[in-house]
Amino acid sequence: MGLLSNRVTRESLKPGDHIYSWRTAYIYAHHGIYVGDDKVIHFTRHGQEVGTGTALDLLLISSGPAKPRESCPTCTAPQEEHGVISSCMNCFLAGGVLYRFEYAVTPALFLAKARGGTCTLAVSDDDDIVVHRAKYLLENGFGCYNVFKKNCEDFAIYCKTGLLEIGQSGQAVSIIGGPLAAALSSPLRMVTTNVYGMAATAVGVYCASRYMADIGMRPNAVKVPVEELTSRLATGLLQVVEPQIPTNIARQSPQLVTQ
């Protein structure tokens, strides 16, 4: 792994690794936890990698892998009640390249990775704890999938860190970060009308938004035991409150609420 790529070989993997694979056109990546024996546990929307229920699905699904004509005999059938499934490595990769997500990176390296969804400032827990969380959630669920607020990347990061503040994943920031940065930087056109200055401002705003959205920087992120998480999800005692968007465009982070 390095500055330009997190690409790894299968032989270098160990149980507890957070892995991902970019899909066609690099629009999004699918994330999961490698648990050994060529198996990956990952979070999907009723067995599908993406889905919002909006017109955005046309873009996301079109970048996904083609469905195989024959089902894989070694993989567990998708469990639609919670969307956490176990797959063999081949099915998880779907013909893509294998990458490993990095943890406890320095701020400089984090900002150098222009594309979100590849690393985090947060520190990973021990591998046996990570595997335990993934297997527990396979049996008990991770709630409802949402491509922007609780997706496969959020699932893998929770398994690795135990931190939970359901909000906006790294790759979601990357998808919407560019247009958002341009919008946020537009009021600064009075400061500089130079196209290069505007571009530099937009890049700066985008990097700042990625940095502040990282789970390692969110002040409301809390450590939640996996047994407590699933019991609260099942009883409705854990929910996400989406704040109102203020008039200054800057968006507050959703907060985790328990009842």
C-alpha atoms as a PDB file:
ATOM      1  CA  MET A   1       0.000   0.000   0.000  1.00  0.00           C
ATOM      2  CA  GLY A   2       1.124   3.556  -0.566  1.00  0.00           C
ATOM      3  CA  LEU A   3       0.187   7.053  -1.510  1.00  0.00           C
ATOM      4  CA  LEU A   4      -1.166   6.204  -4.950  1.00  0.00           C
ATOM      5  CA  SER A   5      -2.883   2.888  -4.359  1.00  0.00           C
ATOM      6  CA  ASN A   6      -4.143   0.592  -1.588  1.00  0.00           C
ATOM      7  CA  ARG A   7      -4.071  -2.415  -3.903  1.00  0.00           C
ATOM      8  CA  VAL A   8      -3.099  -5.709  -2.232  1.00  0.00           C
ATOM      9  CA  THR A   9      -2.931  -9.402  -3.054  1.00  0.00           C
ATOM     10  CA  ARG A  10      -5.199 -12.057  -1.583  1.00  0.00           C
ATOM     11  CA  GLU A  11      -2.204 -13.782  -0.022  1.00  0.00           C
ATOM     12  CA  SER A  12      -1.428 -10.684   2.065  1.00  0.00           C
ATOM     13  CA  LEU A  13      -4.885 -10.559   3.677  1.00  0.00           C
ATOM     14  CA  LYS A  14      -5.571 -11.580   7.269  1.00  0.00           C
ATOM     15  CA  PRO A  15      -8.916 -12.020   9.048  1.00  0.00           C
ATOM     16  CA  GLY A  16     -10.194  -8.657  10.215  1.00  0.00           C
ATOM     17  CA  ASP A  17      -8.986  -6.671   7.202  1.00  0.00           C
ATOM     18  CA  HIS A  18     -11.340  -4.049   5.762  1.00  0.00           C
ATOM     19  CA  ILE A  19     -11.261  -4.532   2.013  1.00  0.00           C
ATOM     20  CA  TYR A  20     -12.980  -2.882  -0.927  1.00  0.00           C
ATOM     21  CA  SER A  21     -13.198  -3.024  -4.691  1.00  0.00           C
ATOM     22  CA  TRP A  22     -14.010  -0.235  -7.129  1.00  0.00           C
ATOM     23  CA  ARG A  23     -16.792  -0.890  -9.582  1.00  0.00           C
ATOM     24  CA  THR A  24     -17.054   0.094 -13.236  1.00  0.00           C
ATOM     25  CA  ALA A  25     -16.050   3.719 -13.910  1.00  0.00           C
ATOM     26  CA  TYR A  26     -14.874   4.079 -10.287  1.00  0.00           C
ATOM     27  CA  ILE A  27     -18.167   5.711  -9.320  1.00  0.00           C
ATOM     28  CA  TYR A  28     -18.339   3.824  -6.054  1.00  0.00           C
ATOM     29  CA  ALA A  29     -16.566   1.057  -4.149  1.00  0.00           C
ATOM     30  CA  HIS A  30     -18.040  -1.899  -2.320  1.00  0.00           C
ATOM     31  CA  HIS A  31     -16.611  -2.545   1.172  1.00  0.00           C
ATOM     32  CA  GLY A  32     -16.502  -5.574   3.436  1.00  0.00           C
ATOM     33  CA  ILE A  33     -14.627  -7.382   6.205  1.00  0.00           C
ATOM     34  CA  TYR A  34     -12.429 -10.344   5.317  1.00  0.00           C
ATOM     35  CA  VAL A  35     -12.994 -13.083   7.918  1.00  0.00           C
ATOM     36  CA  GLY A  36     -10.702 -15.792   6.551  1.00  0.00           C
ATOM     37  CA  ASP A  37     -11.269 -18.953   4.499  1.00  0.00           C
ATOM     38  CA  ASP A  38     -11.861 -16.815   1.383  1.00  0.00           C
ATOM     39  CA  LYS A  39     -15.009 -15.303   2.964  1.00  0.00           C
ATOM     40  CA  VAL A  40     -16.092 -11.666   3.133  1.00  0.00           C
ATOM     41  CA  ILE A  41     -18.940 -10.281   5.255  1.00  0.00           C
ATOM     42  CA  HIS A  42     -20.503  -7.138   3.815  1.00  0.00           C
ATOM     43  CA  PHE A  43     -23.609  -4.969   4.035  1.00  0.00           C
ATOM     44  CA  THR A  44     -26.017  -4.554   1.128  1.00  0.00           C
ATOM     45  CA  ARG A  45     -29.495  -3.284   0.371  1.00  0.00           C
ATOM     46  CA  HIS A  46     -31.562  -6.497   0.235  1.00  0.00           C
ATOM     47  CA  GLY A  47     -28.714  -8.316  -1.462  1.00  0.00           C
ATOM     48  CA  GLN A  48     -27.887  -5.407  -3.791  1.00  0.00           C
ATOM     49  CA  GLU A  49     -24.770  -3.289  -3.376  1.00  0.00           C
ATOM     50  CA  VAL A  50     -26.466   0.073  -3.862  1.00  0.00           C
ATOM     51  CA  GLY A  51     -29.900   1.586  -3.901  1.00  0.00           C
ATOM     52  CA  THR A  52     -31.562   4.849  -2.913  1.00  0.00           C
ATOM     53  CA  GLY A  53     -35.064   4.493  -4.309  1.00  0.00           C
ATOM     54  CA  THR A  54     -34.418   7.526  -6.523  1.00  0.00           C
ATOM     55  CA  ALA A  55     -33.255   8.290 -10.063  1.00  0.00           C
ATOM     56  CA  LEU A  56     -29.675   8.105  -8.747  1.00  0.00           C
ATOM     57  CA  ASP A  57     -30.014   4.325  -8.820  1.00  0.00           C
ATOM     58  CA  LEU A  58     -29.748   4.400 -12.618  1.00  0.00           C
ATOM     59  CA  LEU A  59     -26.237   5.823 -12.307  1.00  0.00           C
ATOM     60  CA  LEU A  60     -25.124   3.660  -9.413  1.00  0.00           C
ATOM     61  CA  ILE A  61     -26.541   0.357 -10.609  1.00  0.00           C
ATOM     62  CA  SER A  62     -25.197   0.920 -14.129  1.00  0.00           C
ATOM     63  CA  SER A  63     -21.697   1.034 -12.654  1.00  0.00           C
ATOM     64  CA  GLY A  64     -22.158  -2.224 -10.784  1.00  0.00           C
ATOM     65  CA  PRO A  65     -20.998  -5.656 -11.861  1.00  0.00           C
ATOM     66  CA  ALA A  66     -23.077  -7.781 -14.171  1.00  0.00           C
ATOM     67  CA  LYS A  67     -25.023 -10.464 -12.341  1.00  0.00           C
ATOM     68  CA  PRO A  68     -23.706 -13.965 -12.933  1.00  0.00           C
ATOM     69  CA  ARG A  69     -25.903 -16.306 -14.904  1.00  0.00           C
ATOM     70  CA  GLU A  70     -25.470 -19.049 -12.326  1.00  0.00           C
ATOM     71  CA  SER A  71     -25.506 -18.563  -8.564  1.00  0.00           C
ATOM     72  CA  CYS A  72     -22.312 -19.303  -6.680  1.00  0.00           C
ATOM     73  CA  PRO A  73     -22.584 -22.647  -4.854  1.00  0.00           C
ATOM     74  CA  THR A  74     -20.314 -21.530  -2.009  1.00  0.00           C
ATOM     75  CA  CYS A  75     -22.042 -18.266  -1.025  1.00  0.00           C
ATOM     76  CA  THR A  76     -24.833 -17.700   1.455  1.00  0.00           C
ATOM     77  CA  ALA A  77     -28.083 -16.475  -0.038  1.00  0.00           C
ATOM     78  CA  PRO A  78     -28.751 -12.776   0.698  1.00  0.00           C
ATOM     79  CA  GLN A  79     -30.770 -12.299   3.856  1.00  0.00           C
ATOM     80  CA  GLU A  80     -33.202  -9.567   2.935  1.00  0.00           C
ATOM     81  CA  GLU A  81     -34.283  -8.878   6.493  1.00  0.00           C
ATOM     82  CA  HIS A  82     -31.043  -7.102   7.342  1.00  0.00           C
ATOM     83  CA  GLY A  83     -28.783  -7.007   4.285  1.00  0.00           C
ATOM     84  CA  VAL A  84     -25.605  -8.365   5.924  1.00  0.00           C
ATOM     85  CA  ILE A  85     -24.358 -11.284   3.840  1.00  0.00           C
ATOM     86  CA  SER A  86     -21.372 -13.592   3.541  1.00  0.00           C
ATOM     87  CA  SER A  87     -19.753 -14.103   0.139  1.00  0.00           C
ATOM     88  CA  CYS A  88     -16.702 -15.773  -1.281  1.00  0.00           C
ATOM     89  CA  MET A  89     -13.928 -13.456  -2.414  1.00  0.00           C
ATOM     90  CA  ASN A  90     -14.724 -13.910  -6.099  1.00  0.00           C
ATOM     91  CA  CYS A  91     -18.354 -12.893  -5.635  1.00  0.00           C
ATOM     92  CA  PHE A  92     -17.380  -9.924  -3.488  1.00  0.00           C
ATOM     93  CA  LEU A  93     -14.844  -8.640  -6.014  1.00  0.00           C
ATOM     94  CA  ALA A  94     -17.166  -9.314  -8.975  1.00  0.00           C
ATOM     95  CA  GLY A  95     -14.211  -9.148 -11.342  1.00  0.00           C
ATOM     96  CA  GLY A  96     -12.777  -6.040  -9.688  1.00  0.00           C
ATOM     97  CA  VAL A  97      -9.399  -5.367  -8.087  1.00  0.00           C
ATOM     98  CA  LEU A  98      -8.760  -5.964  -4.381  1.00  0.00           C
ATOM     99  CA  TYR A  99      -7.830  -3.027  -2.129  1.00  0.00           C
ATOM    100  CA  ARG A 100      -7.300  -2.728   1.629  1.00  0.00           C
ATOM    101  CA  PHE A 101      -8.719   0.211   3.581  1.00  0.00           C
ATOM    102  CA  GLU A 102      -6.118   2.008   5.731  1.00  0.00           C
ATOM    103  CA  TYR A 103      -6.571   2.999   9.387  1.00  0.00           C
ATOM    104  CA  ALA A 104      -4.805   5.476  11.676  1.00  0.00           C
ATOM    105  CA  VAL A 105      -3.323   7.380   8.742  1.00  0.00           C
ATOM    106  CA  THR A 106      -1.740  10.761   9.307  1.00  0.00           C
ATOM    107  CA  PRO A 107      -3.710  13.913   8.397  1.00  0.00           C
ATOM    108  CA  ALA A 108      -1.204  14.605   5.608  1.00  0.00           C
ATOM    109  CA  LEU A 109      -1.728  11.168   4.036  1.00  0.00           C
ATOM    110  CA  PHE A 110      -5.500  11.415   4.482  1.00  0.00           C
ATOM    111  CA  LEU A 111      -5.634  14.706   2.597  1.00  0.00           C
ATOM    112  CA  ALA A 112      -3.229  13.404  -0.049  1.00  0.00           C
ATOM    113  CA  LYS A 113      -5.736  10.675  -0.892  1.00  0.00           C
ATOM    114  CA  ALA A 114      -7.897  12.770  -3.179  1.00  0.00           C
ATOM    115  CA  ARG A 115     -10.657  10.156  -3.363  1.00  0.00           C
ATOM    116  CA  GLY A 116     -12.634   9.451  -0.206  1.00  0.00           C
ATOM    117  CA  GLY A 117     -13.496   5.961   0.982  1.00  0.00           C
ATOM    118  CA  THR A 118      -9.921   4.621   1.031  1.00  0.00           C
ATOM    119  CA  CYS A 119      -8.602   5.463   4.514  1.00  0.00           C
ATOM    120  CA  THR A 120      -9.486   7.012   7.863  1.00  0.00           C
ATOM    121  CA  LEU A 121      -7.852   8.794  10.776  1.00  0.00           C
ATOM    122  CA  ALA A 122      -9.599   6.421  13.198  1.00  0.00           C
ATOM    123  CA  VAL A 123      -7.706   3.581  14.890  1.00  0.00           C
ATOM    124  CA  SER A 124      -8.719  -0.022  14.266  1.00  0.00           C
ATOM    125  CA  ASP A 125      -9.444  -2.479  17.063  1.00  0.00           C
ATOM    126  CA  ASP A 126      -7.790  -5.900  17.293  1.00  0.00           C
ATOM    127  CA  ASP A 127      -8.529  -8.294  14.433  1.00  0.00           C
ATOM    128  CA  ASP A 128     -10.370 -10.846  16.587  1.00  0.00           C
ATOM    129  CA  ILE A 129     -12.758  -8.129  17.808  1.00  0.00           C
ATOM    130  CA  VAL A 130     -13.341  -6.991  14.222  1.00  0.00           C
ATOM    131  CA  VAL A 131     -14.181 -10.514  13.064  1.00  0.00           C
ATOM    132  CA  HIS A 132     -16.491 -10.999  16.062  1.00  0.00           C
ATOM    133  CA  ARG A 133     -18.444  -7.833  15.204  1.00  0.00           C
ATOM    134  CA  ALA A 134     -18.783  -8.815  11.540  1.00  0.00           C
ATOM    135  CA  LYS A 135     -19.996 -12.335  12.349  1.00  0.00           C
ATOM    136  CA  TYR A 136     -22.363 -11.071  15.034  1.00  0.00           C
ATOM    137  CA  LEU A 137     -23.922  -8.583  12.619  1.00  0.00           C
ATOM    138  CA  LEU A 138     -24.201 -11.324   9.997  1.00  0.00           C
ATOM    139  CA  GLU A 139     -26.466 -13.161  12.411  1.00  0.00           C
ATOM    140  CA  ASN A 140     -28.289 -10.176  13.921  1.00  0.00           C
ATOM    141  CA  GLY A 141     -28.328  -7.429  11.296  1.00  0.00           C
ATOM    142  CA  PHE A 142     -27.178  -3.829  10.901  1.00  0.00           C
ATOM    143  CA  GLY A 143     -30.509  -2.099  10.375  1.00  0.00           C
ATOM    144  CA  CYS A 144     -31.728  -0.507   7.151  1.00  0.00           C
ATOM    145  CA  TYR A 145     -29.313   0.257   4.323  1.00  0.00           C
ATOM    146  CA  ASN A 146     -28.959   3.823   3.060  1.00  0.00           C
ATOM    147  CA  VAL A 147     -26.388   4.600   0.376  1.00  0.00           C
ATOM    148  CA  PHE A 148     -25.547   8.018   1.850  1.00  0.00           C
ATOM    149  CA  LYS A 149     -26.152   7.581   5.601  1.00  0.00           C
ATOM    150  CA  LYS A 150     -25.510   3.914   6.437  1.00  0.00           C
ATOM    151  CA  ASN A 151     -23.845   1.884   3.716  1.00  0.00           C
ATOM    152  CA  CYS A 152     -21.252  -0.850   3.232  1.00  0.00           C
ATOM    153  CA  GLU A 153     -18.382   1.496   4.128  1.00  0.00           C
ATOM    154  CA  ASP A 154     -20.075   2.551   7.379  1.00  0.00           C
ATOM    155  CA  PHE A 155     -20.625  -1.135   8.208  1.00  0.00           C
ATOM    156  CA  ALA A 156     -16.971  -2.048   7.647  1.00  0.00           C
ATOM    157  CA  ILE A 157     -15.699   0.972   9.603  1.00  0.00           C
ATOM    158  CA  TYR A 158     -17.991   0.105  12.528  1.00  0.00           C
ATOM    159  CA  CYS A 159     -16.685  -3.475  12.526  1.00  0.00           C
ATOM    160  CA  LYS A 160     -13.117  -2.155  12.596  1.00  0.00           C
ATOM    161  CA  THR A 161     -13.539   0.586  15.198  1.00  0.00           C
ATOM    162  CA  GLY A 162     -16.813   0.106  17.085  1.00  0.00           C
ATOM    163  CA  LEU A 163     -17.421   3.808  16.460  1.00  0.00           C
ATOM    164  CA  LEU A 164     -20.876   4.828  15.377  1.00  0.00           C
ATOM    165  CA  GLU A 165     -22.231   8.118  14.209  1.00  0.00           C
ATOM    166  CA  ILE A 166     -24.407   7.301  11.236  1.00  0.00           C
ATOM    167  CA  GLY A 167     -23.922  10.219   8.879  1.00  0.00           C
ATOM    168  CA  GLN A 168     -21.966  10.452   5.651  1.00  0.00           C
ATOM    169  CA  SER A 169     -19.374   7.976   4.417  1.00  0.00           C
ATOM    170  CA  GLY A 170     -16.077   8.841   2.777  1.00  0.00           C
ATOM    171  CA  GLN A 171     -17.135   7.830  -0.683  1.00  0.00           C
ATOM    172  CA  ALA A 172     -20.448   9.672  -0.326  1.00  0.00           C
ATOM    173  CA  VAL A 173     -18.452  12.820   0.392  1.00  0.00           C
ATOM    174  CA  SER A 174     -16.403  12.119  -2.735  1.00  0.00           C
ATOM    175  CA  ILE A 175     -19.482  11.704  -4.925  1.00  0.00           C
ATOM    176  CA  ILE A 176     -21.169  14.880  -3.770  1.00  0.00           C
ATOM    177  CA  GLY A 177     -18.089  16.702  -2.492  1.00  0.00           C
ATOM    178  CA  GLY A 178     -16.998  18.158  -5.814  1.00  0.00           C
ATOM    179  CA  PRO A 179     -20.301  19.884  -6.654  1.00  0.00           C
ATOM    180  CA  LEU A 180     -20.718  20.900  -3.022  1.00  0.00           C
ATOM    181  CA  ALA A 181     -17.242  22.406  -2.898  1.00  0.00           C
ATOM    182  CA  ALA A 182     -17.978  24.377  -6.044  1.00  0.00           C
ATOM    183  CA  ALA A 183     -21.217  25.648  -4.535  1.00  0.00           C
ATOM    184  CA  LEU A 184     -19.566  26.594  -1.262  1.00  0.00           C
ATOM    185  CA  SER A 185     -16.693  28.331  -2.964  1.00  0.00           C
ATOM    186  CA  SER A 186     -18.935  30.429  -5.210  1.00  0.00           C
ATOM    187  CA  PRO A 187     -19.530  33.126  -2.551  1.00  0.00           C
ATOM    188  CA  LEU A 188     -15.749  33.604  -2.490  1.00  0.00           C
ATOM    189  CA  ARG A 189     -15.723  34.783  -6.090  1.00  0.00           C
ATOM    190  CA  MET A 190     -15.600  38.312  -4.693  1.00  0.00           C
ATOM    191  CA  VAL A 191     -12.208  37.455  -3.182  1.00  0.00           C
ATOM    192  CA  THR A 192     -10.709  36.197  -6.417  1.00  0.00           C
ATOM    193  CA  THR A 193     -12.014  36.094  -9.949  1.00  0.00           C
ATOM    194  CA  ASN A 194      -9.031  34.117 -11.201  1.00  0.00           C
ATOM    195  CA  VAL A 195     -10.086  30.667 -12.422  1.00  0.00           C
ATOM    196  CA  TYR A 196      -7.055  29.073 -10.772  1.00  0.00           C
ATOM    197  CA  GLY A 197      -7.856  30.783  -7.493  1.00  0.00           C
ATOM    198  CA  MET A 198     -11.428  29.530  -7.651  1.00  0.00           C
ATOM    199  CA  ALA A 199     -10.229  26.007  -8.412  1.00  0.00           C
ATOM    200  CA  ALA A 200      -7.800  26.097  -5.480  1.00  0.00           C
ATOM    201  CA  THR A 201     -10.568  27.364  -3.196  1.00  0.00           C
ATOM    202  CA  ALA A 202     -12.922  24.572  -4.302  1.00  0.00           C
ATOM    203  CA  VAL A 203     -10.240  21.947  -3.690  1.00  0.00           C
ATOM    204  CA  GLY A 204      -9.568  23.413  -0.248  1.00  0.00           C
ATOM    205  CA  VAL A 205     -13.247  23.330   0.700  1.00  0.00           C
ATOM    206  CA  TYR A 206     -13.553  19.743  -0.578  1.00  0.00           C
ATOM    207  CA  CYS A 207     -10.528  18.565   1.422  1.00  0.00           C
ATOM    208  CA  ALA A 208     -11.804  20.299   4.552  1.00  0.00           C
ATOM    209  CA  SER A 209     -15.218  18.657   4.171  1.00  0.00           C
ATOM    210  CA  ARG A 210     -13.611  15.210   3.797  1.00  0.00           C
ATOM    211  CA  TYR A 211     -11.407  15.770   6.824  1.00  0.00           C
ATOM    212  CA  MET A 212     -14.234  16.921   9.094  1.00  0.00           C
ATOM    213  CA  ALA A 213     -16.573  14.148   7.884  1.00  0.00           C
ATOM    214  CA  ASP A 214     -14.103  11.376   8.739  1.00  0.00           C
ATOM    215  CA  ILE A 215     -15.237   9.125  11.580  1.00  0.00           C
ATOM    216  CA  GLY A 216     -11.970   9.823  13.367  1.00  0.00           C
ATOM    217  CA  MET A 217     -12.827  13.538  13.537  1.00  0.00           C
ATOM    218  CA  ARG A 218     -16.552  13.441  14.328  1.00  0.00           C
ATOM    219  CA  PRO A 219     -17.032  14.698  17.898  1.00  0.00           C
ATOM    220  CA  ASN A 220     -20.310  12.781  18.325  1.00  0.00           C
ATOM    221  CA  ALA A 221     -18.896   9.393  17.327  1.00  0.00           C
ATOM    222  CA  VAL A 222     -19.260   6.953  20.215  1.00  0.00           C
ATOM    223  CA  LYS A 223     -18.044   3.436  20.914  1.00  0.00           C
ATOM    224  CA  VAL A 224     -21.064   1.121  20.849  1.00  0.00           C
ATOM    225  CA  PRO A 225     -20.728  -2.597  21.771  1.00  0.00           C
ATOM    226  CA  VAL A 226     -22.069  -4.739  18.952  1.00  0.00           C
ATOM    227  CA  GLU A 227     -24.501  -6.584  21.239  1.00  0.00           C
ATOM    228  CA  GLU A 228     -25.932  -3.281  22.436  1.00  0.00           C
ATOM    229  CA  LEU A 229     -26.120  -1.933  18.897  1.00  0.00           C
ATOM    230  CA  THR A 230     -28.221  -4.787  17.545  1.00  0.00           C
ATOM    231  CA  SER A 231     -30.558  -4.851  20.531  1.00  0.00           C
ATOM    232  CA  ARG A 232     -31.227  -1.121  20.199  1.00  0.00           C
ATOM    233  CA  LEU A 233     -31.779  -1.406  16.461  1.00  0.00           C
ATOM    234  CA  ALA A 234     -34.227  -4.248  17.010  1.00  0.00           C
ATOM    235  CA  THR A 235     -36.254  -2.361  19.613  1.00  0.00           C
ATOM    236  CA  GLY A 236     -36.166   1.007  17.870  1.00  0.00           C
ATOM    237  CA  LEU A 237     -34.167   2.640  20.672  1.00  0.00           C
ATOM    238  CA  LEU A 238     -31.440   3.715  18.253  1.00  0.00           C
ATOM    239  CA  GLN A 239     -32.258   6.210  15.537  1.00  0.00           C
ATOM    240  CA  VAL A 240     -30.698   8.948  13.454  1.00  0.00           C
ATOM    241  CA  VAL A 241     -31.918  12.507  13.747  1.00  0.00           C
ATOM    242  CA  GLU A 242     -31.303  14.415  10.540  1.00  0.00           C
ATOM    243  CA  PRO A 243     -30.765  18.109  11.321  1.00  0.00           C
ATOM    244  CA  GLN A 244     -32.305  20.905   9.331  1.00  0.00           C
ATOM    245  CA  ILE A 245     -30.083  22.490   6.686  1.00  0.00           C
ATOM    246  CA  PRO A 246     -29.306  26.030   7.848  1.00  0.00           C
ATOM    247  CA  THR A 247     -29.448  29.030   5.572  1.00  0.00           C
ATOM    248  CA  ASN A 248     -25.661  29.289   5.338  1.00  0.00           C
ATOM    249  CA  ILE A 249     -25.548  25.990   3.351  1.00  0.00           C
ATOM    250  CA  ALA A 250     -23.116  24.322   5.748  1.00  0.00           C
ATOM    251  CA  ARG A 251     -24.684  21.088   6.914  1.00  0.00           C
ATOM    252  CA  GLN A 252     -24.591  19.802  10.446  1.00  0.00           C
ATOM    253  CA  SER A 253     -23.780  16.202  11.208  1.00  0.00           C
ATOM    254  CA  PRO A 254     -26.622  13.816  12.021  1.00  0.00           C
ATOM    255  CA  GLN A 255     -26.589  12.788  15.655  1.00  0.00           C
ATOM    256  CA  LEU A 256     -27.042   9.389  17.186  1.00  0.00           C
ATOM    257  CA  VAL A 257     -29.975   9.333  19.585  1.00  0.00           C
ATOM    258  CA  THR A 258     -30.935   6.672  22.096  1.00  0.00           C
ATOM    259  CA  GLN A 259     -34.213   6.521  23.915  1.00  0.00           C
END
